[in-house]
Amino acid sequence: MLSYPAAIPLSNHTLIRLAELIRTRRAERRCRWRRLDASRQALLVLAHLRNGDTYARLAAGFHVGTSTAWRYVREAIDLLAVLADDVHAAVLRAGRLAYTILDGTLIPIDRLADERP
C-alpha cells in the first residue's frame, strides 16, 4: 500500500475547536479508551469533510477499521450539527448577506456576458 502526505486547507483553530467538542463529548459519556485521541479523530473527520477521503482510505491512513472511521465521522458530524442554526435563523442570516451558497455547489457563470450588446 502506498501512502502520501495530504494538506487540508483549514485553520488550526478549526481542528482545535472540533477536538475540544470531541473531548467534551467523551468526558460526558465517560469513554475510557479510544483508538485515536480527540485531535487525531478531528483530523480524520476534517480530512473526510474537506477532502472527501473515503472511509477505506481514512481507515488505512489512521490505522483503524473502516467501521471505526465511519463511527468517528458520524460522531463528529452529530456534534457539529448541534451547533448549526435552525432553519429560521439560517434564513434570517442569509437575508442579511450579499449572497448565499446553499449546498456548496459552484455554478460557473459569466457576468461579462450581461454587458455585451
PDB file of N, CA and C in Angstrom:
ATOM      1  N   MET A   1       0.852  -1.179   0.000  1.00  0.00           N
ATOM      2  CA  MET A   1       0.000   0.000   0.000  1.00  0.00           C
ATOM      3  C   MET A   1       0.894   1.238   0.000  1.00  0.00           C
ATOM      4  N   LEU A   2       0.538   2.209  -0.800  1.00  0.00           N
ATOM      5  CA  LEU A   2       1.269   3.461  -0.865  1.00  0.00           C
ATOM      6  C   LEU A   2       0.597   4.488   0.028  1.00  0.00           C
ATOM      7  N   SER A   3       1.391   5.348   0.607  1.00  0.00           N
ATOM      8  CA  SER A   3       0.820   6.441   1.408  1.00  0.00           C
ATOM      9  C   SER A   3       1.366   7.754   0.865  1.00  0.00           C
ATOM     10  N   TYR A   4       0.660   8.809   1.139  1.00  0.00           N
ATOM     11  CA  TYR A   4       1.091  10.111   0.659  1.00  0.00           C
ATOM     12  C   TYR A   4       0.685  11.174   1.665  1.00  0.00           C
ATOM     13  N   PRO A   5       1.445  12.258   1.764  1.00  0.00           N
ATOM     14  CA  PRO A   5       1.025  13.351   2.644  1.00  0.00           C
ATOM     15  C   PRO A   5      -0.081  14.159   1.972  1.00  0.00           C
ATOM     16  N   ALA A   6      -0.980  14.652   2.752  1.00  0.00           N
ATOM     17  CA  ALA A   6      -2.075  15.460   2.214  1.00  0.00           C
ATOM     18  C   ALA A   6      -2.224  16.712   3.068  1.00  0.00           C
ATOM     19  N   ALA A   7      -2.659  17.764   2.451  1.00  0.00           N
ATOM     20  CA  ALA A   7      -2.884  19.020   3.155  1.00  0.00           C
ATOM     21  C   ALA A   7      -4.378  19.303   3.179  1.00  0.00           C
ATOM     22  N   ILE A   8      -4.824  19.859   4.278  1.00  0.00           N
ATOM     23  CA  ILE A   8      -6.219  20.251   4.402  1.00  0.00           C
ATOM     24  C   ILE A   8      -6.248  21.771   4.533  1.00  0.00           C
ATOM     25  N   PRO A   9      -6.880  22.472   3.610  1.00  0.00           N
ATOM     26  CA  PRO A   9      -6.874  23.935   3.650  1.00  0.00           C
ATOM     27  C   PRO A   9      -7.835  24.496   4.703  1.00  0.00           C
ATOM     28  N   LEU A  10      -7.529  24.240   5.957  1.00  0.00           N
ATOM     29  CA  LEU A  10      -8.311  24.761   7.079  1.00  0.00           C
ATOM     30  C   LEU A  10      -7.358  25.311   8.133  1.00  0.00           C
ATOM     31  N   SER A  11      -7.859  26.152   8.997  1.00  0.00           N
ATOM     32  CA  SER A  11      -7.023  26.723  10.045  1.00  0.00           C
ATOM     33  C   SER A  11      -6.858  25.742  11.207  1.00  0.00           C
ATOM     34  N   ASN A  12      -5.815  25.970  11.999  1.00  0.00           N
ATOM     35  CA  ASN A  12      -5.619  25.166  13.207  1.00  0.00           C
ATOM     36  C   ASN A  12      -6.760  25.363  14.184  1.00  0.00           C
ATOM     37  N   HIS A  13      -7.364  26.543  14.161  1.00  0.00           N
ATOM     38  CA  HIS A  13      -8.484  26.836  15.054  1.00  0.00           C
ATOM     39  C   HIS A  13      -9.641  25.855  14.809  1.00  0.00           C
ATOM     40  N   THR A  14      -9.867  25.514  13.560  1.00  0.00           N
ATOM     41  CA  THR A  14     -10.930  24.558  13.222  1.00  0.00           C
ATOM     42  C   THR A  14     -10.641  23.199  13.835  1.00  0.00           C
ATOM     43  N   LEU A  15      -9.400  22.749  13.700  1.00  0.00           N
ATOM     44  CA  LEU A  15      -9.007  21.457  14.264  1.00  0.00           C
ATOM     45  C   LEU A  15      -9.111  21.470  15.786  1.00  0.00           C
ATOM     46  N   ILE A  16      -8.637  22.533  16.404  1.00  0.00           N
ATOM     47  CA  ILE A  16      -8.671  22.636  17.870  1.00  0.00           C
ATOM     48  C   ILE A  16     -10.107  22.680  18.376  1.00  0.00           C
ATOM     49  N   ARG A  17     -10.969  23.420  17.698  1.00  0.00           N
ATOM     50  CA  ARG A  17     -12.376  23.548  18.118  1.00  0.00           C
ATOM     51  C   ARG A  17     -13.097  22.199  18.036  1.00  0.00           C
ATOM     52  N   LEU A  18     -12.902  21.480  16.941  1.00  0.00           N
ATOM     53  CA  LEU A  18     -13.543  20.179  16.804  1.00  0.00           C
ATOM     54  C   LEU A  18     -12.981  19.188  17.817  1.00  0.00           C
ATOM     55  N   ALA A  19     -11.683  19.226  18.059  1.00  0.00           N
ATOM     56  CA  ALA A  19     -11.078  18.327  19.052  1.00  0.00           C
ATOM     57  C   ALA A  19     -11.641  18.597  20.442  1.00  0.00           C
ATOM     58  N   GLU A  20     -11.854  19.860  20.768  1.00  0.00           N
ATOM     59  CA  GLU A  20     -12.439  20.202  22.076  1.00  0.00           C
ATOM     60  C   GLU A  20     -13.866  19.687  22.198  1.00  0.00           C
ATOM     61  N   LEU A  21     -14.641  19.798  21.127  1.00  0.00           N
ATOM     62  CA  LEU A  21     -16.007  19.256  21.141  1.00  0.00           C
ATOM     63  C   LEU A  21     -15.981  17.747  21.370  1.00  0.00           C
ATOM     64  N   ILE A  22     -15.055  17.067  20.711  1.00  0.00           N
ATOM     65  CA  ILE A  22     -14.953  15.617  20.861  1.00  0.00           C
ATOM     66  C   ILE A  22     -14.508  15.251  22.274  1.00  0.00           C
ATOM     67  N   ARG A  23     -13.517  15.986  22.815  1.00  0.00           N
ATOM     68  CA  ARG A  23     -13.066  15.720  24.190  1.00  0.00           C
ATOM     69  C   ARG A  23     -14.191  15.905  25.198  1.00  0.00           C
ATOM     70  N   THR A  24     -14.960  16.968  25.026  1.00  0.00           N
ATOM     71  CA  THR A  24     -16.071  17.237  25.935  1.00  0.00           C
ATOM     72  C   THR A  24     -17.106  16.123  25.865  1.00  0.00           C
ATOM     73  N   ARG A  25     -17.422  15.687  24.657  1.00  0.00           N
ATOM     74  CA  ARG A  25     -18.402  14.606  24.489  1.00  0.00           C
ATOM     75  C   ARG A  25     -17.907  13.306  25.108  1.00  0.00           C
ATOM     76  N   ARG A  26     -16.630  13.022  24.936  1.00  0.00           N
ATOM     77  CA  ARG A  26     -16.065  11.813  25.527  1.00  0.00           C
ATOM     78  C   ARG A  26     -16.102  11.875  27.049  1.00  0.00           C
ATOM     79  N   ALA A  27     -15.851  13.048  27.606  1.00  0.00           N
ATOM     80  CA  ALA A  27     -15.904  13.202  29.066  1.00  0.00           C
ATOM     81  C   ALA A  27     -17.327  13.017  29.580  1.00  0.00           C
ATOM     82  N   GLU A  28     -18.307  13.539  28.846  1.00  0.00           N
ATOM     83  CA  GLU A  28     -19.709  13.371  29.243  1.00  0.00           C
ATOM     84  C   GLU A  28     -20.119  11.900  29.223  1.00  0.00           C
ATOM     85  N   ARG A  29     -19.641  11.189  28.217  1.00  0.00           N
ATOM     86  CA  ARG A  29     -20.006   9.774  28.073  1.00  0.00           C
ATOM     87  C   ARG A  29     -19.084   8.852  28.874  1.00  0.00           C
ATOM     88  N   ARG A  30     -18.053   9.430  29.483  1.00  0.00           N
ATOM     89  CA  ARG A  30     -17.074   8.685  30.280  1.00  0.00           C
ATOM     90  C   ARG A  30     -16.407   7.579  29.465  1.00  0.00           C
ATOM     91  N   CYS A  31     -15.959   7.946  28.262  1.00  0.00           N
ATOM     92  CA  CYS A  31     -15.244   6.993  27.415  1.00  0.00           C
ATOM     93  C   CYS A  31     -13.862   6.763  28.001  1.00  0.00           C
ATOM     94  N   ARG A  32     -13.524   5.519  28.228  1.00  0.00           N
ATOM     95  CA  ARG A  32     -12.245   5.221  28.846  1.00  0.00           C
ATOM     96  C   ARG A  32     -11.136   5.033  27.826  1.00  0.00           C
ATOM     97  N   TRP A  33     -11.463   4.491  26.656  1.00  0.00           N
ATOM     98  CA  TRP A  33     -10.415   4.188  25.699  1.00  0.00           C
ATOM     99  C   TRP A  33     -10.943   4.326  24.280  1.00  0.00           C
ATOM    100  N   ARG A  34     -10.150   4.929  23.440  1.00  0.00           N
ATOM    101  CA  ARG A  34     -10.439   5.024  22.016  1.00  0.00           C
ATOM    102  C   ARG A  34      -9.140   4.786  21.259  1.00  0.00           C
ATOM    103  N   ARG A  35      -9.256   4.293  20.067  1.00  0.00           N
ATOM    104  CA  ARG A  35      -8.069   4.017  19.251  1.00  0.00           C
ATOM    105  C   ARG A  35      -7.317   5.303  18.926  1.00  0.00           C
ATOM    106  N   LEU A  36      -8.047   6.367  18.612  1.00  0.00           N
ATOM    107  CA  LEU A  36      -7.440   7.667  18.321  1.00  0.00           C
ATOM    108  C   LEU A  36      -7.802   8.663  19.413  1.00  0.00           C
ATOM    109  N   ASP A  37      -6.875   9.555  19.720  1.00  0.00           N
ATOM    110  CA  ASP A  37      -7.222  10.614  20.665  1.00  0.00           C
ATOM    111  C   ASP A  37      -8.098  11.645  19.939  1.00  0.00           C
ATOM    112  N   ALA A  38      -8.604  12.614  20.672  1.00  0.00           N
ATOM    113  CA  ALA A  38      -9.587  13.553  20.117  1.00  0.00           C
ATOM    114  C   ALA A  38      -9.015  14.375  18.967  1.00  0.00           C
ATOM    115  N   SER A  39      -7.757  14.781  19.036  1.00  0.00           N
ATOM    116  CA  SER A  39      -7.190  15.601  17.964  1.00  0.00           C
ATOM    117  C   SER A  39      -6.989  14.779  16.684  1.00  0.00           C
ATOM    118  N   ARG A  40      -6.596  13.532  16.803  1.00  0.00           N
ATOM    119  CA  ARG A  40      -6.459  12.669  15.621  1.00  0.00           C
ATOM    120  C   ARG A  40      -7.830  12.352  15.023  1.00  0.00           C
ATOM    121  N   GLN A  41      -8.838  12.170  15.885  1.00  0.00           N
ATOM    122  CA  GLN A  41     -10.184  11.936  15.379  1.00  0.00           C
ATOM    123  C   GLN A  41     -10.672  13.174  14.632  1.00  0.00           C
ATOM    124  N   ALA A  42     -10.410  14.356  15.170  1.00  0.00           N
ATOM    125  CA  ALA A  42     -10.809  15.591  14.499  1.00  0.00           C
ATOM    126  C   ALA A  42     -10.123  15.716  13.143  1.00  0.00           C
ATOM    127  N   LEU A  43      -8.855  15.340  13.073  1.00  0.00           N
ATOM    128  CA  LEU A  43      -8.137  15.387  11.811  1.00  0.00           C
ATOM    129  C   LEU A  43      -8.732  14.404  10.802  1.00  0.00           C
ATOM    130  N   LEU A  44      -9.086  13.222  11.258  1.00  0.00           N
ATOM    131  CA  LEU A  44      -9.731  12.231  10.402  1.00  0.00           C
ATOM    132  C   LEU A  44     -11.042  12.776   9.845  1.00  0.00           C
ATOM    133  N   VAL A  45     -11.836  13.376  10.706  1.00  0.00           N
ATOM    134  CA  VAL A  45     -13.143  13.910  10.292  1.00  0.00           C
ATOM    135  C   VAL A  45     -12.972  15.059   9.305  1.00  0.00           C
ATOM    136  N   LEU A  46     -12.049  15.956   9.567  1.00  0.00           N
ATOM    137  CA  LEU A  46     -11.830  17.077   8.665  1.00  0.00           C
ATOM    138  C   LEU A  46     -11.289  16.612   7.317  1.00  0.00           C
ATOM    139  N   ALA A  47     -10.473  15.567   7.307  1.00  0.00           N
ATOM    140  CA  ALA A  47      -9.990  15.006   6.039  1.00  0.00           C
ATOM    141  C   ALA A  47     -11.158  14.463   5.231  1.00  0.00           C
ATOM    142  N   HIS A  48     -12.107  13.869   5.906  1.00  0.00           N
ATOM    143  CA  HIS A  48     -13.287  13.344   5.197  1.00  0.00           C
ATOM    144  C   HIS A  48     -14.173  14.478   4.698  1.00  0.00           C
ATOM    145  N   LEU A  49     -14.450  15.448   5.546  1.00  0.00           N
ATOM    146  CA  LEU A  49     -15.371  16.517   5.174  1.00  0.00           C
ATOM    147  C   LEU A  49     -14.781  17.465   4.138  1.00  0.00           C
ATOM    148  N   ARG A  50     -13.513  17.806   4.282  1.00  0.00           N
ATOM    149  CA  ARG A  50     -12.908  18.796   3.389  1.00  0.00           C
ATOM    150  C   ARG A  50     -12.365  18.176   2.103  1.00  0.00           C
ATOM    151  N   ASN A  51     -11.668  17.042   2.220  1.00  0.00           N
ATOM    152  CA  ASN A  51     -11.035  16.433   1.055  1.00  0.00           C
ATOM    153  C   ASN A  51     -11.881  15.347   0.414  1.00  0.00           C
ATOM    154  N   GLY A  52     -12.906  14.876   1.114  1.00  0.00           N
ATOM    155  CA  GLY A  52     -13.754  13.840   0.564  1.00  0.00           C
ATOM    156  C   GLY A  52     -13.118  12.461   0.568  1.00  0.00           C
ATOM    157  N   ASP A  53     -12.130  12.249   1.429  1.00  0.00           N
ATOM    158  CA  ASP A  53     -11.499  10.932   1.507  1.00  0.00           C
ATOM    159  C   ASP A  53     -12.523   9.884   1.917  1.00  0.00           C
ATOM    160  N   THR A  54     -12.423   8.714   1.330  1.00  0.00           N
ATOM    161  CA  THR A  54     -13.354   7.637   1.639  1.00  0.00           C
ATOM    162  C   THR A  54     -13.025   7.035   2.999  1.00  0.00           C
ATOM    163  N   TYR A  55     -13.977   6.290   3.535  1.00  0.00           N
ATOM    164  CA  TYR A  55     -13.753   5.652   4.837  1.00  0.00           C
ATOM    165  C   TYR A  55     -12.622   4.626   4.753  1.00  0.00           C
ATOM    166  N   ALA A  56     -12.513   3.935   3.640  1.00  0.00           N
ATOM    167  CA  ALA A  56     -11.440   2.949   3.486  1.00  0.00           C
ATOM    168  C   ALA A  56     -10.069   3.621   3.490  1.00  0.00           C
ATOM    169  N   ARG A  57      -9.943   4.745   2.799  1.00  0.00           N
ATOM    170  CA  ARG A  57      -8.665   5.469   2.788  1.00  0.00           C
ATOM    171  C   ARG A  57      -8.354   6.055   4.152  1.00  0.00           C
ATOM    172  N   LEU A  58      -9.365   6.597   4.813  1.00  0.00           N
ATOM    173  CA  LEU A  58      -9.150   7.135   6.155  1.00  0.00           C
ATOM    174  C   LEU A  58      -8.729   6.021   7.112  1.00  0.00           C
ATOM    175  N   ALA A  59      -9.385   4.886   7.019  1.00  0.00           N
ATOM    176  CA  ALA A  59      -9.061   3.759   7.892  1.00  0.00           C
ATOM    177  C   ALA A  59      -7.621   3.323   7.690  1.00  0.00           C
ATOM    178  N   ALA A  60      -7.184   3.236   6.448  1.00  0.00           N
ATOM    179  CA  ALA A  60      -5.806   2.838   6.173  1.00  0.00           C
ATOM    180  C   ALA A  60      -4.812   3.897   6.651  1.00  0.00           C
ATOM    181  N   GLY A  61      -5.126   5.155   6.439  1.00  0.00           N
ATOM    182  CA  GLY A  61      -4.220   6.231   6.829  1.00  0.00           C
ATOM    183  C   GLY A  61      -4.083   6.422   8.322  1.00  0.00           C
ATOM    184  N   PHE A  62      -5.155   6.168   9.058  1.00  0.00           N
ATOM    185  CA  PHE A  62      -5.139   6.366  10.508  1.00  0.00           C
ATOM    186  C   PHE A  62      -5.020   5.052  11.278  1.00  0.00           C
ATOM    187  N   HIS A  63      -4.868   3.948  10.565  1.00  0.00           N
ATOM    188  CA  HIS A  63      -4.684   2.621  11.178  1.00  0.00           C
ATOM    189  C   HIS A  63      -5.840   2.232  12.092  1.00  0.00           C
ATOM    190  N   VAL A  64      -7.045   2.431  11.587  1.00  0.00           N
ATOM    191  CA  VAL A  64      -8.255   1.997  12.289  1.00  0.00           C
ATOM    192  C   VAL A  64      -9.091   1.200  11.295  1.00  0.00           C
ATOM    193  N   GLY A  65     -10.133   0.561  11.769  1.00  0.00           N
ATOM    194  CA  GLY A  65     -11.031  -0.168  10.888  1.00  0.00           C
ATOM    195  C   GLY A  65     -11.945   0.780  10.127  1.00  0.00           C
ATOM    196  N   THR A  66     -12.486   0.294   9.043  1.00  0.00           N
ATOM    197  CA  THR A  66     -13.389   1.114   8.226  1.00  0.00           C
ATOM    198  C   THR A  66     -14.634   1.506   9.009  1.00  0.00           C
ATOM    199  N   SER A  67     -15.177   0.575   9.770  1.00  0.00           N
ATOM    200  CA  SER A  67     -16.363   0.902  10.570  1.00  0.00           C
ATOM    201  C   SER A  67     -16.032   1.900  11.674  1.00  0.00           C
ATOM    202  N   THR A  68     -14.810   1.834  12.203  1.00  0.00           N
ATOM    203  CA  THR A  68     -14.387   2.811  13.215  1.00  0.00           C
ATOM    204  C   THR A  68     -14.276   4.193  12.597  1.00  0.00           C
ATOM    205  N   ALA A  69     -13.720   4.290  11.396  1.00  0.00           N
ATOM    206  CA  ALA A  69     -13.629   5.583  10.708  1.00  0.00           C
ATOM    207  C   ALA A  69     -15.024   6.149  10.471  1.00  0.00           C
ATOM    208  N   TRP A  70     -15.955   5.301  10.030  1.00  0.00           N
ATOM    209  CA  TRP A  70     -17.332   5.756   9.818  1.00  0.00           C
ATOM    210  C   TRP A  70     -17.934   6.260  11.128  1.00  0.00           C
ATOM    211  N   ARG A  71     -17.733   5.505  12.208  1.00  0.00           N
ATOM    212  CA  ARG A  71     -18.298   5.881  13.502  1.00  0.00           C
ATOM    213  C   ARG A  71     -17.707   7.203  14.004  1.00  0.00           C
ATOM    214  N   TYR A  72     -16.399   7.390  13.833  1.00  0.00           N
ATOM    215  CA  TYR A  72     -15.768   8.646  14.243  1.00  0.00           C
ATOM    216  C   TYR A  72     -16.329   9.832  13.462  1.00  0.00           C
ATOM    217  N   VAL A  73     -16.505   9.667  12.159  1.00  0.00           N
ATOM    218  CA  VAL A  73     -17.044  10.751  11.336  1.00  0.00           C
ATOM    219  C   VAL A  73     -18.488  11.043  11.743  1.00  0.00           C
ATOM    220  N   ARG A  74     -19.290  10.011  11.918  1.00  0.00           N
ATOM    221  CA  ARG A  74     -20.685  10.183  12.306  1.00  0.00           C
ATOM    222  C   ARG A  74     -20.805  10.897  13.653  1.00  0.00           C
ATOM    223  N   GLU A  75     -19.969  10.509  14.610  1.00  0.00           N
ATOM    224  CA  GLU A  75     -19.988  11.134  15.929  1.00  0.00           C
ATOM    225  C   GLU A  75     -19.675  12.622  15.838  1.00  0.00           C
ATOM    226  N   ALA A  76     -18.662  12.986  15.069  1.00  0.00           N
ATOM    227  CA  ALA A  76     -18.279  14.392  14.950  1.00  0.00           C
ATOM    228  C   ALA A  76     -19.331  15.197  14.193  1.00  0.00           C
ATOM    229  N   ILE A  77     -19.931  14.615  13.168  1.00  0.00           N
ATOM    230  CA  ILE A  77     -20.973  15.327  12.432  1.00  0.00           C
ATOM    231  C   ILE A  77     -22.166  15.602  13.335  1.00  0.00           C
ATOM    232  N   ASP A  78     -22.509  14.664  14.198  1.00  0.00           N
ATOM    233  CA  ASP A  78     -23.598  14.895  15.158  1.00  0.00           C
ATOM    234  C   ASP A  78     -23.258  16.040  16.100  1.00  0.00           C
ATOM    235  N   LEU A  79     -21.998  16.127  16.532  1.00  0.00           N
ATOM    236  CA  LEU A  79     -21.586  17.228  17.410  1.00  0.00           C
ATOM    237  C   LEU A  79     -21.666  18.566  16.684  1.00  0.00           C
ATOM    238  N   LEU A  80     -21.251  18.590  15.423  1.00  0.00           N
ATOM    239  CA  LEU A  80     -21.300  19.834  14.652  1.00  0.00           C
ATOM    240  C   LEU A  80     -22.729  20.237  14.319  1.00  0.00           C
ATOM    241  N   ALA A  81     -23.602  19.265  14.118  1.00  0.00           N
ATOM    242  CA  ALA A  81     -25.000  19.566  13.789  1.00  0.00           C
ATOM    243  C   ALA A  81     -25.703  20.262  14.937  1.00  0.00           C
ATOM    244  N   VAL A  82     -25.318  19.954  16.162  1.00  0.00           N
ATOM    245  CA  VAL A  82     -25.920  20.611  17.327  1.00  0.00           C
ATOM    246  C   VAL A  82     -25.594  22.103  17.320  1.00  0.00           C
ATOM    247  N   LEU A  83     -24.423  22.481  16.804  1.00  0.00           N
ATOM    248  CA  LEU A  83     -24.009  23.883  16.780  1.00  0.00           C
ATOM    249  C   LEU A  83     -24.650  24.685  15.646  1.00  0.00           C
ATOM    250  N   ALA A  84     -25.190  24.009  14.648  1.00  0.00           N
ATOM    251  CA  ALA A  84     -25.740  24.687  13.474  1.00  0.00           C
ATOM    252  C   ALA A  84     -27.026  25.437  13.827  1.00  0.00           C
ATOM    253  N   ASP A  85     -27.269  26.496  13.075  1.00  0.00           N
ATOM    254  CA  ASP A  85     -28.503  27.262  13.244  1.00  0.00           C
ATOM    255  C   ASP A  85     -29.696  26.431  12.794  1.00  0.00           C
ATOM    256  N   ASP A  86     -30.869  26.731  13.358  1.00  0.00           N
ATOM    257  CA  ASP A  86     -32.076  26.105  12.837  1.00  0.00           C
ATOM    258  C   ASP A  86     -32.445  26.810  11.524  1.00  0.00           C
ATOM    259  N   VAL A  87     -33.431  26.324  10.845  1.00  0.00           N
ATOM    260  CA  VAL A  87     -33.778  26.836   9.520  1.00  0.00           C
ATOM    261  C   VAL A  87     -34.189  28.303   9.584  1.00  0.00           C
ATOM    262  N   HIS A  88     -34.960  28.689  10.584  1.00  0.00           N
ATOM    263  CA  HIS A  88     -35.419  30.077  10.690  1.00  0.00           C
ATOM    264  C   HIS A  88     -34.242  31.028  10.867  1.00  0.00           C
ATOM    265  N   ALA A  89     -33.326  30.693  11.755  1.00  0.00           N
ATOM    266  CA  ALA A  89     -32.153  31.548  11.984  1.00  0.00           C
ATOM    267  C   ALA A  89     -31.263  31.597  10.742  1.00  0.00           C
ATOM    268  N   ALA A  90     -31.143  30.488  10.029  1.00  0.00           N
ATOM    269  CA  ALA A  90     -30.337  30.462   8.811  1.00  0.00           C
ATOM    270  C   ALA A  90     -30.929  31.362   7.735  1.00  0.00           C
ATOM    271  N   VAL A  91     -32.245  31.367   7.607  1.00  0.00           N
ATOM    272  CA  VAL A  91     -32.892  32.222   6.614  1.00  0.00           C
ATOM    273  C   VAL A  91     -32.720  33.691   6.979  1.00  0.00           C
ATOM    274  N   LEU A  92     -32.842  34.028   8.241  1.00  0.00           N
ATOM    275  CA  LEU A  92     -32.627  35.417   8.669  1.00  0.00           C
ATOM    276  C   LEU A  92     -31.191  35.855   8.395  1.00  0.00           C
ATOM    277  N   ARG A  93     -30.236  34.981   8.673  1.00  0.00           N
ATOM    278  CA  ARG A  93     -28.830  35.308   8.419  1.00  0.00           C
ATOM    279  C   ARG A  93     -28.581  35.460   6.922  1.00  0.00           C
ATOM    280  N   ALA A  94     -29.147  34.580   6.112  1.00  0.00           N
ATOM    281  CA  ALA A  94     -28.953  34.640   4.667  1.00  0.00           C
ATOM    282  C   ALA A  94     -29.546  35.914   4.082  1.00  0.00           C
ATOM    283  N   GLY A  95     -30.616  36.412   4.683  1.00  0.00           N
ATOM    284  CA  GLY A  95     -31.236  37.642   4.203  1.00  0.00           C
ATOM    285  C   GLY A  95     -30.358  38.866   4.387  1.00  0.00           C
ATOM    286  N   ARG A  96     -29.413  38.811   5.308  1.00  0.00           N
ATOM    287  CA  ARG A  96     -28.516  39.940   5.565  1.00  0.00           C
ATOM    288  C   ARG A  96     -27.238  39.880   4.736  1.00  0.00           C
ATOM    289  N   LEU A  97     -27.000  38.772   4.045  1.00  0.00           N
ATOM    290  CA  LEU A  97     -25.774  38.597   3.279  1.00  0.00           C
ATOM    291  C   LEU A  97     -25.955  39.026   1.828  1.00  0.00           C
ATOM    292  N   ALA A  98     -24.840  39.299   1.168  1.00  0.00           N
ATOM    293  CA  ALA A  98     -24.891  39.672  -0.244  1.00  0.00           C
ATOM    294  C   ALA A  98     -25.222  38.469  -1.113  1.00  0.00           C
ATOM    295  N   TYR A  99     -24.767  37.286  -0.726  1.00  0.00           N
ATOM    296  CA  TYR A  99     -25.065  36.063  -1.460  1.00  0.00           C
ATOM    297  C   TYR A  99     -25.026  34.897  -0.482  1.00  0.00           C
ATOM    298  N   THR A 100     -25.614  33.784  -0.860  1.00  0.00           N
ATOM    299  CA  THR A 100     -25.655  32.598  -0.016  1.00  0.00           C
ATOM    300  C   THR A 100     -25.430  31.359  -0.875  1.00  0.00           C
ATOM    301  N   ILE A 101     -24.554  30.478  -0.401  1.00  0.00           N
ATOM    302  CA  ILE A 101     -24.336  29.197  -1.060  1.00  0.00           C
ATOM    303  C   ILE A 101     -25.090  28.166  -0.233  1.00  0.00           C
ATOM    304  N   LEU A 102     -26.101  27.554  -0.824  1.00  0.00           N
ATOM    305  CA  LEU A 102     -26.961  26.656  -0.071  1.00  0.00           C
ATOM    306  C   LEU A 102     -26.392  25.258   0.087  1.00  0.00           C
ATOM    307  N   ASP A 103     -25.817  24.714  -0.956  1.00  0.00           N
ATOM    308  CA  ASP A 103     -25.365  23.328  -0.861  1.00  0.00           C
ATOM    309  C   ASP A 103     -23.893  23.148  -1.199  1.00  0.00           C
ATOM    310  N   GLY A 104     -23.172  24.219  -1.389  1.00  0.00           N
ATOM    311  CA  GLY A 104     -21.757  24.110  -1.687  1.00  0.00           C
ATOM    312  C   GLY A 104     -21.451  23.927  -3.162  1.00  0.00           C
ATOM    313  N   THR A 105     -22.464  23.933  -4.011  1.00  0.00           N
ATOM    314  CA  THR A 105     -22.246  23.748  -5.439  1.00  0.00           C
ATOM    315  C   THR A 105     -21.803  25.061  -6.073  1.00  0.00           C
ATOM    316  N   LEU A 106     -20.731  25.010  -6.838  1.00  0.00           N
ATOM    317  CA  LEU A 106     -20.282  26.186  -7.567  1.00  0.00           C
ATOM    318  C   LEU A 106     -20.830  26.112  -8.984  1.00  0.00           C
ATOM    319  N   ILE A 107     -21.500  27.157  -9.387  1.00  0.00           N
ATOM    320  CA  ILE A 107     -22.099  27.199 -10.712  1.00  0.00           C
ATOM    321  C   ILE A 107     -21.290  28.184 -11.548  1.00  0.00           C
ATOM    322  N   PRO A 108     -20.681  27.725 -12.634  1.00  0.00           N
ATOM    323  CA  PRO A 108     -19.905  28.650 -13.461  1.00  0.00           C
ATOM    324  C   PRO A 108     -20.823  29.657 -14.154  1.00  0.00           C
ATOM    325  N   ILE A 109     -20.482  30.917 -14.039  1.00  0.00           N
ATOM    326  CA  ILE A 109     -21.260  31.964 -14.693  1.00  0.00           C
ATOM    327  C   ILE A 109     -20.295  32.927 -15.367  1.00  0.00           C
ATOM    328  N   ASP A 110     -20.807  33.687 -16.288  1.00  0.00           N
ATOM    329  CA  ASP A 110     -20.011  34.690 -16.982  1.00  0.00           C
ATOM    330  C   ASP A 110     -20.745  36.008 -16.852  1.00  0.00           C
ATOM    331  N   ARG A 111     -20.367  36.801 -15.881  1.00  0.00           N
ATOM    332  CA  ARG A 111     -21.046  38.072 -15.664  1.00  0.00           C
ATOM    333  C   ARG A 111     -20.762  39.073 -16.783  1.00  0.00           C
ATOM    334  N   LEU A 112     -19.636  38.902 -17.468  1.00  0.00           N
ATOM    335  CA  LEU A 112     -19.330  39.821 -18.567  1.00  0.00           C
ATOM    336  C   LEU A 112     -20.287  39.663 -19.736  1.00  0.00           C
ATOM    337  N   ALA A 113     -20.895  38.506 -19.868  1.00  0.00           N
ATOM    338  CA  ALA A 113     -21.829  38.279 -20.960  1.00  0.00           C
ATOM    339  C   ALA A 113     -23.043  39.195 -20.858  1.00  0.00           C
ATOM    340  N   ASP A 114     -23.387  39.622 -19.643  1.00  0.00           N
ATOM    341  CA  ASP A 114     -24.540  40.502 -19.469  1.00  0.00           C
ATOM    342  C   ASP A 114     -24.257  41.900 -20.044  1.00  0.00           C
ATOM    343  N   GLU A 115     -23.003  42.310 -20.116  1.00  0.00           N
ATOM    344  CA  GLU A 115     -22.654  43.664 -20.570  1.00  0.00           C
ATOM    345  C   GLU A 115     -22.470  43.740 -22.073  1.00  0.00           C
ATOM    346  N   ARG A 116     -22.499  42.611 -22.753  1.00  0.00           N
ATOM    347  CA  ARG A 116     -22.331  42.626 -24.209  1.00  0.00           C
ATOM    348  C   ARG A 116     -23.654  43.030 -24.883  1.00  0.00           C
ATOM    349  N   PRO A 117     -23.538  43.736 -26.014  1.00  0.00           N
ATOM    350  CA  PRO A 117     -24.777  44.127 -26.728  1.00  0.00           C
ATOM    351  C   PRO A 117     -25.464  42.943 -27.382  1.00  0.00           C
TER     352      PRO A 117
END
